[in-house]
């Protein structure tokens, strides 16, 4: 900072004057420092520092997000057991640690040994089917939640074990409605309008999800591009990319990505402008 005479310095958080017991502030003629010795989640927020000399002021704003490991998932349920499989359901954690939940780690343990083995990690859904279980054994399951800070300190664990029936025993499965995991295609990340220079390879990208895996079609001004050697189409873990080799101004127009499965279809479009070389 600079100013003559020495400016008056005021720190605010979310519109309120800061409590000097909670944070430390150190001012000099050339700078002002705010320090927090033990950051906690409640220190997150919008901070603002104001300099004032008589009726002249200047301000700068800082947004700070303190994050921590999340809490464990909630309401874990052993929904059903059949054959070599067990179906689980749960709900997201109550405390997300002030950061987005990136996924879950699902583990199983044989009741005899209670040694835990990971079945899924970075798993995005809140239900799953654990397969390849051994007949005659009983299994417990536990689930950790995960955000940018890592896995939750504790896990949600099933209270009762899942017993895998041996062949030859009389077993009448309970009547249940099989859970339908299918869903129509849905774009989770849009196509962005782009303006590029002619002669340089360019790409258009978006993201889609759907079960079963959707078939993908690309169009330019409603014309199918699948047979055109000028275009290459990629699909990796739901991220769709269209590469346009050395575009010319003629390649500008409205590009459409269409995803289709047996549950439905969805499409998204963007505008591509190709400028001639300077």
Foldseek 3Di string as FASTA:
>chain_A
DADPPQWDKFKAFPRHGDDCVQWPWDDDSPDIDIGGPDDDQVVFGKMKMWTDDPPDIDMDIDGDGFFDAFAAWADKDFPFDDAQKTKIFTHGGPGRRRFDWQAKWKWKAWPVPRDIDTDDPSHHHRMDMRGPHDAQIWMKMWMWIAGPNGTHPDTDIDPGTDHHHDPPDDDDGDDDDDDDPWDWKDWPFAWEAEEEEAQAKDKTKTFMDTPPFWDKFKDFVNHTCVVPPQWDWDADPRMIMIIGHRDDQVSWGKMKMKTGDPRGIDMHIYTYGYHYDD
